[in-house]
Amino acid sequence: MQKIYYAKFNQLDPADFLPILNEESIRDHLISHRRFDVQSVTEWVKGKIISDAMPGCRIRAVYSEGALVGWCGIQQDNEDFEIAIVISPAVWGIGLSIFKALMAWSKELGHQEVVIHLLETRPVYKFLKRKAIKVKQTEMLGRSFMTYHLAV
């Protein structure tokens, strides 16, 4: 089992995210955007720090075996709270452990329900479908998502 460590975004150099956020296999599953550079990733990190400070939110960098491998969090999404996991394909096997941590954080933060939005490039996840109290197709930013509503 790989050791996972979570760190606040203000504890790291934003440029450390560049190789992860610019990985093509990660970009395939996110809303289209320009490749990050030092300036844009610094602004993105500042935005995540602001989100982390909001009530009900928790955003963290994910380290596995001492290396930065991505980020995860609970963030405001209109009226809902969304959980997000964005990690390097090299460690996709740790996703379930991160998911369990996010659900525990959601409970700790007092949420009754959270959502996960997965872009149409992602398969339907049987595990999420079984766990969901509601699954629906949603449109955001001109793209189609499968949205899973999960009871905490």
N, C-alpha and C. Protein backbone atom coordinates (compact mmCIF):
# COMPACT_ATOMS: atom_id res chain seq x y z
N MET A 1 0.84 -1.18 0.00
CA MET A 1 0.00 0.00 0.00
C MET A 1 0.89 1.24 0.00
N GLN A 2 0.62 2.13 -0.93
CA GLN A 2 1.41 3.37 -1.01
C GLN A 2 0.99 4.32 0.10
N LYS A 3 1.96 5.00 0.67
CA LYS A 3 1.68 5.98 1.72
C LYS A 3 1.22 7.28 1.07
N ILE A 4 0.08 7.79 1.51
CA ILE A 4 -0.49 9.02 0.97
C ILE A 4 -0.40 10.11 2.04
N TYR A 5 -0.01 11.30 1.61
CA TYR A 5 0.09 12.45 2.49
C TYR A 5 -0.63 13.62 1.81
N TYR A 6 -1.38 14.39 2.59
CA TYR A 6 -2.10 15.54 2.08
C TYR A 6 -1.49 16.82 2.65
N ALA A 7 -1.28 17.81 1.79
CA ALA A 7 -0.68 19.07 2.23
C ALA A 7 -1.53 20.24 1.73
N LYS A 8 -1.54 21.31 2.52
CA LYS A 8 -2.20 22.53 2.08
C LYS A 8 -1.42 23.12 0.92
N PHE A 9 -2.13 23.80 0.04
CA PHE A 9 -1.49 24.37 -1.14
C PHE A 9 -0.46 25.45 -0.79
N ASN A 10 -0.64 26.11 0.35
CA ASN A 10 0.32 27.16 0.71
C ASN A 10 1.63 26.58 1.24
N GLN A 11 1.75 25.26 1.27
CA GLN A 11 2.96 24.60 1.74
C GLN A 11 3.85 24.13 0.59
N LEU A 12 3.50 24.51 -0.64
CA LEU A 12 4.28 24.01 -1.78
C LEU A 12 4.53 25.09 -2.81
N ASP A 13 5.45 24.81 -3.69
CA ASP A 13 5.76 25.71 -4.81
C ASP A 13 4.77 25.41 -5.92
N PRO A 14 3.96 26.40 -6.35
CA PRO A 14 2.98 26.15 -7.40
C PRO A 14 3.56 25.48 -8.65
N ALA A 15 4.80 25.81 -8.99
CA ALA A 15 5.43 25.23 -10.19
C ALA A 15 5.55 23.71 -10.09
N ASP A 16 5.51 23.17 -8.88
CA ASP A 16 5.59 21.72 -8.73
C ASP A 16 4.41 21.01 -9.39
N PHE A 17 3.28 21.73 -9.57
CA PHE A 17 2.11 21.15 -10.21
C PHE A 17 2.22 21.07 -11.73
N LEU A 18 3.13 21.83 -12.33
CA LEU A 18 3.19 21.92 -13.80
C LEU A 18 3.25 20.57 -14.50
N PRO A 19 4.16 19.67 -14.14
CA PRO A 19 4.22 18.41 -14.89
C PRO A 19 2.95 17.57 -14.75
N ILE A 20 2.27 17.70 -13.63
CA ILE A 20 1.05 16.91 -13.40
C ILE A 20 -0.12 17.51 -14.17
N LEU A 21 -0.37 18.80 -13.99
CA LEU A 21 -1.52 19.43 -14.62
C LEU A 21 -1.40 19.52 -16.14
N ASN A 22 -0.19 19.43 -16.66
CA ASN A 22 0.01 19.47 -18.11
C ASN A 22 0.12 18.08 -18.74
N GLU A 23 -0.02 17.02 -17.95
CA GLU A 23 0.01 15.66 -18.51
C GLU A 23 -1.19 15.48 -19.43
N GLU A 24 -0.93 14.99 -20.64
CA GLU A 24 -2.01 14.83 -21.63
C GLU A 24 -3.12 13.92 -21.12
N SER A 25 -2.77 12.83 -20.44
CA SER A 25 -3.81 11.89 -19.98
C SER A 25 -4.69 12.51 -18.90
N ILE A 26 -4.20 13.49 -18.18
CA ILE A 26 -5.02 14.20 -17.21
C ILE A 26 -5.87 15.24 -17.94
N ARG A 27 -5.25 15.97 -18.86
CA ARG A 27 -5.96 17.01 -19.61
C ARG A 27 -7.13 16.43 -20.42
N ASP A 28 -7.02 15.16 -20.84
CA ASP A 28 -8.09 14.51 -21.59
C ASP A 28 -9.39 14.45 -20.81
N HIS A 29 -9.30 14.45 -19.49
CA HIS A 29 -10.49 14.27 -18.65
C HIS A 29 -10.91 15.55 -17.93
N LEU A 30 -10.34 16.68 -18.33
CA LEU A 30 -10.70 17.97 -17.74
C LEU A 30 -11.25 18.90 -18.82
N ILE A 31 -11.91 19.95 -18.39
CA ILE A 31 -12.37 20.97 -19.33
C ILE A 31 -11.15 21.51 -20.09
N SER A 32 -11.30 21.70 -21.37
CA SER A 32 -10.19 22.20 -22.18
C SER A 32 -9.70 23.55 -21.68
N HIS A 33 -8.41 23.68 -21.58
CA HIS A 33 -7.79 24.95 -21.17
C HIS A 33 -6.35 24.94 -21.68
N ARG A 34 -5.77 26.12 -21.72
CA ARG A 34 -4.37 26.22 -22.16
C ARG A 34 -3.48 25.46 -21.19
N ARG A 35 -2.34 25.02 -21.70
CA ARG A 35 -1.36 24.39 -20.83
C ARG A 35 -0.92 25.41 -19.78
N PHE A 36 -0.68 24.92 -18.59
CA PHE A 36 -0.25 25.81 -17.51
C PHE A 36 1.19 26.24 -17.71
N ASP A 37 1.47 27.47 -17.30
CA ASP A 37 2.84 27.96 -17.19
C ASP A 37 3.00 28.44 -15.74
N VAL A 38 4.14 28.95 -15.38
CA VAL A 38 4.38 29.34 -13.98
C VAL A 38 3.36 30.37 -13.52
N GLN A 39 3.07 31.36 -14.35
CA GLN A 39 2.12 32.39 -13.96
C GLN A 39 0.71 31.83 -13.78
N SER A 40 0.23 31.05 -14.74
CA SER A 40 -1.15 30.54 -14.65
C SER A 40 -1.30 29.51 -13.53
N VAL A 41 -0.29 28.68 -13.29
CA VAL A 41 -0.40 27.71 -12.20
C VAL A 41 -0.35 28.41 -10.85
N THR A 42 0.40 29.52 -10.75
CA THR A 42 0.43 30.29 -9.52
C THR A 42 -0.94 30.88 -9.23
N GLU A 43 -1.61 31.40 -10.25
CA GLU A 43 -2.97 31.94 -10.09
C GLU A 43 -3.95 30.82 -9.73
N TRP A 44 -3.81 29.67 -10.37
CA TRP A 44 -4.68 28.53 -10.09
C TRP A 44 -4.52 28.10 -8.62
N VAL A 45 -3.29 28.02 -8.14
CA VAL A 45 -3.03 27.65 -6.75
C VAL A 45 -3.64 28.68 -5.80
N LYS A 46 -3.50 29.97 -6.12
CA LYS A 46 -4.12 31.01 -5.29
C LYS A 46 -5.63 30.80 -5.20
N GLY A 47 -6.25 30.45 -6.33
CA GLY A 47 -7.69 30.19 -6.34
C GLY A 47 -8.07 29.01 -5.46
N LYS A 48 -7.25 27.96 -5.47
CA LYS A 48 -7.52 26.79 -4.63
C LYS A 48 -7.33 27.13 -3.15
N ILE A 49 -6.37 28.00 -2.84
CA ILE A 49 -6.17 28.43 -1.45
C ILE A 49 -7.39 29.21 -0.97
N ILE A 50 -7.94 30.06 -1.83
CA ILE A 50 -9.16 30.81 -1.50
C ILE A 50 -10.32 29.84 -1.29
N SER A 51 -10.47 28.85 -2.18
CA SER A 51 -11.54 27.86 -2.03
C SER A 51 -11.39 27.08 -0.73
N ASP A 52 -10.16 26.72 -0.41
CA ASP A 52 -9.90 25.95 0.82
C ASP A 52 -10.34 26.71 2.06
N ALA A 53 -10.29 28.03 2.02
CA ALA A 53 -10.65 28.85 3.18
C ALA A 53 -12.17 29.00 3.34
N MET A 54 -12.94 28.60 2.33
CA MET A 54 -14.39 28.76 2.39
C MET A 54 -15.00 27.69 3.32
N PRO A 55 -16.06 28.05 4.04
CA PRO A 55 -16.71 27.06 4.90
C PRO A 55 -17.16 25.84 4.09
N GLY A 56 -16.90 24.66 4.63
CA GLY A 56 -17.32 23.42 3.98
C GLY A 56 -16.36 22.90 2.93
N CYS A 57 -15.26 23.61 2.71
CA CYS A 57 -14.31 23.21 1.66
C CYS A 57 -12.99 22.74 2.26
N ARG A 58 -12.32 21.87 1.54
CA ARG A 58 -10.98 21.43 1.91
C ARG A 58 -10.27 21.00 0.63
N ILE A 59 -9.20 21.69 0.28
CA ILE A 59 -8.43 21.41 -0.92
C ILE A 59 -7.01 21.04 -0.50
N ARG A 60 -6.50 19.92 -1.02
CA ARG A 60 -5.17 19.47 -0.62
C ARG A 60 -4.37 18.95 -1.80
N ALA A 61 -3.06 19.15 -1.72
CA ALA A 61 -2.13 18.50 -2.64
C ALA A 61 -1.99 17.05 -2.16
N VAL A 62 -1.80 16.14 -3.11
CA VAL A 62 -1.67 14.73 -2.77
C VAL A 62 -0.23 14.29 -3.06
N TYR A 63 0.38 13.72 -2.04
CA TYR A 63 1.71 13.15 -2.17
C TYR A 63 1.61 11.64 -1.97
N SER A 64 2.34 10.90 -2.77
CA SER A 64 2.43 9.46 -2.60
C SER A 64 3.90 9.09 -2.60
N GLU A 65 4.30 8.37 -1.59
CA GLU A 65 5.71 7.97 -1.45
C GLU A 65 6.63 9.18 -1.53
N GLY A 66 6.18 10.31 -0.98
CA GLY A 66 6.99 11.51 -0.91
C GLY A 66 6.97 12.40 -2.14
N ALA A 67 6.30 11.98 -3.21
CA ALA A 67 6.26 12.76 -4.45
C ALA A 67 4.87 13.37 -4.66
N LEU A 68 4.82 14.62 -5.12
CA LEU A 68 3.56 15.26 -5.47
C LEU A 68 2.97 14.52 -6.67
N VAL A 69 1.72 14.05 -6.53
CA VAL A 69 1.09 13.28 -7.60
C VAL A 69 -0.24 13.88 -8.06
N GLY A 70 -0.68 14.97 -7.41
CA GLY A 70 -1.94 15.58 -7.83
C GLY A 70 -2.58 16.38 -6.71
N TRP A 71 -3.90 16.51 -6.82
CA TRP A 71 -4.65 17.25 -5.80
C TRP A 71 -6.03 16.63 -5.66
N CYS A 72 -6.65 16.96 -4.55
CA CYS A 72 -8.02 16.51 -4.32
C CYS A 72 -8.72 17.55 -3.46
N GLY A 73 -10.01 17.44 -3.36
CA GLY A 73 -10.68 18.37 -2.48
C GLY A 73 -12.18 18.33 -2.53
N ILE A 74 -12.73 19.10 -1.62
CA ILE A 74 -14.16 19.36 -1.55
C ILE A 74 -14.28 20.85 -1.81
N GLN A 75 -14.99 21.20 -2.87
CA GLN A 75 -15.09 22.61 -3.25
C GLN A 75 -16.53 22.96 -3.55
N GLN A 76 -16.84 24.24 -3.38
CA GLN A 76 -18.19 24.74 -3.65
C GLN A 76 -18.48 24.64 -5.14
N ASP A 77 -19.67 24.15 -5.46
CA ASP A 77 -20.13 24.04 -6.84
C ASP A 77 -21.58 24.49 -6.87
N ASN A 78 -21.79 25.78 -7.11
CA ASN A 78 -23.12 26.38 -7.01
C ASN A 78 -23.68 26.08 -5.62
N GLU A 79 -24.82 25.35 -5.54
CA GLU A 79 -25.40 25.04 -4.24
C GLU A 79 -24.82 23.77 -3.63
N ASP A 80 -24.10 23.02 -4.43
CA ASP A 80 -23.56 21.73 -4.00
C ASP A 80 -22.10 21.86 -3.57
N PHE A 81 -21.62 20.80 -2.96
CA PHE A 81 -20.19 20.66 -2.71
C PHE A 81 -19.72 19.49 -3.55
N GLU A 82 -18.70 19.75 -4.34
CA GLU A 82 -18.15 18.77 -5.28
C GLU A 82 -16.87 18.19 -4.71
N ILE A 83 -16.71 16.87 -4.86
CA ILE A 83 -15.42 16.29 -4.55
C ILE A 83 -14.67 16.07 -5.86
N ALA A 84 -13.39 16.32 -5.80
CA ALA A 84 -12.55 16.21 -7.00
C ALA A 84 -11.27 15.47 -6.65
N ILE A 85 -10.85 14.63 -7.59
CA ILE A 85 -9.57 13.92 -7.46
C ILE A 85 -8.88 14.05 -8.81
N VAL A 86 -7.71 14.68 -8.82
CA VAL A 86 -6.92 14.83 -10.04
C VAL A 86 -5.51 14.35 -9.70
N ILE A 87 -5.20 13.14 -10.17
CA ILE A 87 -3.90 12.54 -9.85
C ILE A 87 -3.26 11.97 -11.11
N SER A 88 -1.96 11.88 -11.08
CA SER A 88 -1.18 11.34 -12.19
C SER A 88 -1.59 9.90 -12.47
N PRO A 89 -1.68 9.52 -13.74
CA PRO A 89 -2.03 8.13 -14.09
C PRO A 89 -1.11 7.10 -13.45
N ALA A 90 0.10 7.46 -13.15
CA ALA A 90 1.03 6.52 -12.54
C ALA A 90 0.55 6.03 -11.17
N VAL A 91 -0.36 6.79 -10.54
CA VAL A 91 -0.84 6.41 -9.21
C VAL A 91 -2.37 6.27 -9.16
N TRP A 92 -3.01 6.03 -10.29
CA TRP A 92 -4.46 5.91 -10.30
C TRP A 92 -4.95 4.85 -9.31
N GLY A 93 -4.13 3.90 -8.95
CA GLY A 93 -4.52 2.88 -7.99
C GLY A 93 -4.81 3.41 -6.59
N ILE A 94 -4.35 4.63 -6.27
CA ILE A 94 -4.62 5.19 -4.94
C ILE A 94 -5.91 6.00 -4.91
N GLY A 95 -6.59 6.09 -6.04
CA GLY A 95 -7.81 6.90 -6.12
C GLY A 95 -8.87 6.50 -5.10
N LEU A 96 -9.07 5.21 -4.87
CA LEU A 96 -10.08 4.76 -3.92
C LEU A 96 -9.74 5.22 -2.50
N SER A 97 -8.48 5.16 -2.13
CA SER A 97 -8.07 5.62 -0.80
C SER A 97 -8.33 7.12 -0.66
N ILE A 98 -8.05 7.88 -1.71
CA ILE A 98 -8.30 9.33 -1.68
C ILE A 98 -9.81 9.59 -1.59
N PHE A 99 -10.59 8.84 -2.35
CA PHE A 99 -12.06 8.97 -2.31
C PHE A 99 -12.56 8.74 -0.89
N LYS A 100 -12.07 7.71 -0.23
CA LYS A 100 -12.50 7.42 1.15
C LYS A 100 -12.13 8.56 2.08
N ALA A 101 -10.95 9.15 1.90
CA ALA A 101 -10.55 10.30 2.71
C ALA A 101 -11.49 11.48 2.47
N LEU A 102 -11.83 11.73 1.21
CA LEU A 102 -12.73 12.83 0.88
C LEU A 102 -14.11 12.63 1.51
N MET A 103 -14.60 11.41 1.49
CA MET A 103 -15.90 11.14 2.10
C MET A 103 -15.83 11.34 3.62
N ALA A 104 -14.72 10.95 4.24
CA ALA A 104 -14.55 11.17 5.68
C ALA A 104 -14.48 12.68 5.97
N TRP A 105 -13.76 13.43 5.14
CA TRP A 105 -13.70 14.88 5.31
C TRP A 105 -15.08 15.50 5.15
N SER A 106 -15.85 15.00 4.18
CA SER A 106 -17.20 15.52 3.94
C SER A 106 -18.06 15.35 5.19
N LYS A 107 -17.95 14.20 5.81
CA LYS A 107 -18.69 13.95 7.05
C LYS A 107 -18.21 14.90 8.15
N GLU A 108 -16.91 15.01 8.29
CA GLU A 108 -16.31 15.88 9.29
C GLU A 108 -16.76 17.33 9.10
N LEU A 109 -16.92 17.76 7.85
CA LEU A 109 -17.33 19.14 7.54
C LEU A 109 -18.84 19.33 7.63
N GLY A 110 -19.58 18.25 7.91
CA GLY A 110 -21.02 18.37 8.11
C GLY A 110 -21.88 18.27 6.86
N HIS A 111 -21.32 17.80 5.76
CA HIS A 111 -22.12 17.66 4.54
C HIS A 111 -23.05 16.45 4.63
N GLN A 112 -24.23 16.60 4.06
CA GLN A 112 -25.17 15.49 3.96
C GLN A 112 -25.02 14.79 2.61
N GLU A 113 -24.61 15.58 1.61
CA GLU A 113 -24.49 15.07 0.25
C GLU A 113 -23.36 15.81 -0.46
N VAL A 114 -22.65 15.11 -1.33
CA VAL A 114 -21.64 15.71 -2.19
C VAL A 114 -21.86 15.20 -3.61
N VAL A 115 -21.28 15.90 -4.58
CA VAL A 115 -21.41 15.47 -5.97
C VAL A 115 -20.02 15.24 -6.57
N ILE A 116 -20.01 14.41 -7.58
CA ILE A 116 -18.81 14.21 -8.40
C ILE A 116 -19.24 14.40 -9.84
N HIS A 117 -18.54 15.28 -10.56
CA HIS A 117 -18.80 15.49 -11.99
C HIS A 117 -17.67 14.83 -12.78
N LEU A 118 -18.02 13.88 -13.62
CA LEU A 118 -17.01 13.25 -14.48
C LEU A 118 -17.33 13.56 -15.94
N LEU A 119 -16.35 14.11 -16.63
CA LEU A 119 -16.48 14.49 -18.04
C LEU A 119 -16.85 13.28 -18.88
N GLU A 120 -17.50 13.53 -20.00
CA GLU A 120 -17.97 12.44 -20.87
C GLU A 120 -16.84 11.54 -21.37
N THR A 121 -15.61 11.98 -21.24
CA THR A 121 -14.47 11.15 -21.65
C THR A 121 -14.24 10.00 -20.67
N ARG A 122 -14.86 10.06 -19.50
CA ARG A 122 -14.68 9.04 -18.48
C ARG A 122 -15.75 7.97 -18.62
N PRO A 123 -15.44 6.73 -18.28
CA PRO A 123 -16.46 5.68 -18.32
C PRO A 123 -17.44 5.86 -17.16
N VAL A 124 -18.60 5.18 -17.25
CA VAL A 124 -19.51 5.15 -16.11
C VAL A 124 -18.87 4.22 -15.08
N TYR A 125 -18.73 4.70 -13.87
CA TYR A 125 -18.10 3.91 -12.81
C TYR A 125 -19.17 3.16 -12.03
N LYS A 126 -19.16 1.83 -12.13
CA LYS A 126 -20.16 1.01 -11.45
C LYS A 126 -20.14 1.25 -9.95
N PHE A 127 -18.95 1.39 -9.39
CA PHE A 127 -18.81 1.65 -7.96
C PHE A 127 -19.56 2.92 -7.56
N LEU A 128 -19.37 4.01 -8.32
CA LEU A 128 -20.05 5.26 -8.01
C LEU A 128 -21.54 5.17 -8.26
N LYS A 129 -21.91 4.47 -9.33
CA LYS A 129 -23.32 4.33 -9.66
C LYS A 129 -24.07 3.58 -8.55
N ARG A 130 -23.45 2.54 -8.01
CA ARG A 130 -24.07 1.78 -6.92
C ARG A 130 -24.16 2.63 -5.65
N LYS A 131 -23.18 3.45 -5.40
CA LYS A 131 -23.10 4.26 -4.18
C LYS A 131 -23.99 5.51 -4.26
N ALA A 132 -24.29 5.95 -5.47
CA ALA A 132 -25.00 7.22 -5.68
C ALA A 132 -26.47 7.13 -5.28
N ILE A 133 -26.99 8.24 -4.76
CA ILE A 133 -28.42 8.35 -4.50
C ILE A 133 -29.14 8.88 -5.74
N LYS A 134 -28.35 9.49 -6.63
CA LYS A 134 -28.90 10.00 -7.89
C LYS A 134 -27.74 10.13 -8.87
N VAL A 135 -27.99 9.77 -10.14
CA VAL A 135 -27.02 9.94 -11.21
C VAL A 135 -27.74 10.66 -12.35
N LYS A 136 -27.11 11.70 -12.87
CA LYS A 136 -27.74 12.43 -13.97
C LYS A 136 -26.69 13.00 -14.90
N GLN A 137 -27.10 13.24 -16.11
CA GLN A 137 -26.25 13.90 -17.11
C GLN A 137 -26.40 15.41 -16.90
N THR A 138 -25.27 16.13 -16.86
CA THR A 138 -25.32 17.58 -16.71
C THR A 138 -24.47 18.22 -17.78
N GLU A 139 -24.79 19.46 -18.08
CA GLU A 139 -24.03 20.25 -19.04
C GLU A 139 -23.40 21.43 -18.31
N MET A 140 -22.10 21.59 -18.47
CA MET A 140 -21.40 22.73 -17.88
C MET A 140 -20.31 23.17 -18.85
N LEU A 141 -20.17 24.46 -19.00
CA LEU A 141 -19.11 25.03 -19.83
C LEU A 141 -19.06 24.39 -21.21
N GLY A 142 -20.24 24.07 -21.75
CA GLY A 142 -20.33 23.50 -23.09
C GLY A 142 -19.93 22.03 -23.18
N ARG A 143 -19.78 21.35 -22.07
CA ARG A 143 -19.39 19.94 -22.06
C ARG A 143 -20.42 19.12 -21.30
N SER A 144 -20.43 17.84 -21.56
CA SER A 144 -21.35 16.92 -20.91
C SER A 144 -20.64 16.15 -19.79
N PHE A 145 -21.31 16.04 -18.66
CA PHE A 145 -20.76 15.35 -17.51
C PHE A 145 -21.77 14.33 -16.99
N MET A 146 -21.28 13.27 -16.36
CA MET A 146 -22.10 12.39 -15.57
C MET A 146 -21.91 12.87 -14.13
N THR A 147 -23.01 13.23 -13.48
CA THR A 147 -22.95 13.74 -12.12
C THR A 147 -23.52 12.71 -11.17
N TYR A 148 -22.72 12.35 -10.19
CA TYR A 148 -23.12 11.38 -9.16
C TYR A 148 -23.36 12.15 -7.87
N HIS A 149 -24.54 11.98 -7.28
CA HIS A 149 -24.88 12.56 -5.99
C HIS A 149 -24.68 11.47 -4.95
N LEU A 150 -23.85 11.74 -3.96
CA LEU A 150 -23.50 10.74 -2.96
C LEU A 150 -23.93 11.20 -1.57
N ALA A 151 -24.60 10.33 -0.85
CA ALA A 151 -24.91 10.61 0.56
C ALA A 151 -23.64 10.45 1.36
N VAL A 152 -23.43 11.34 2.29
CA VAL A 152 -22.23 11.29 3.13
C VAL A 152 -22.50 10.40 4.33
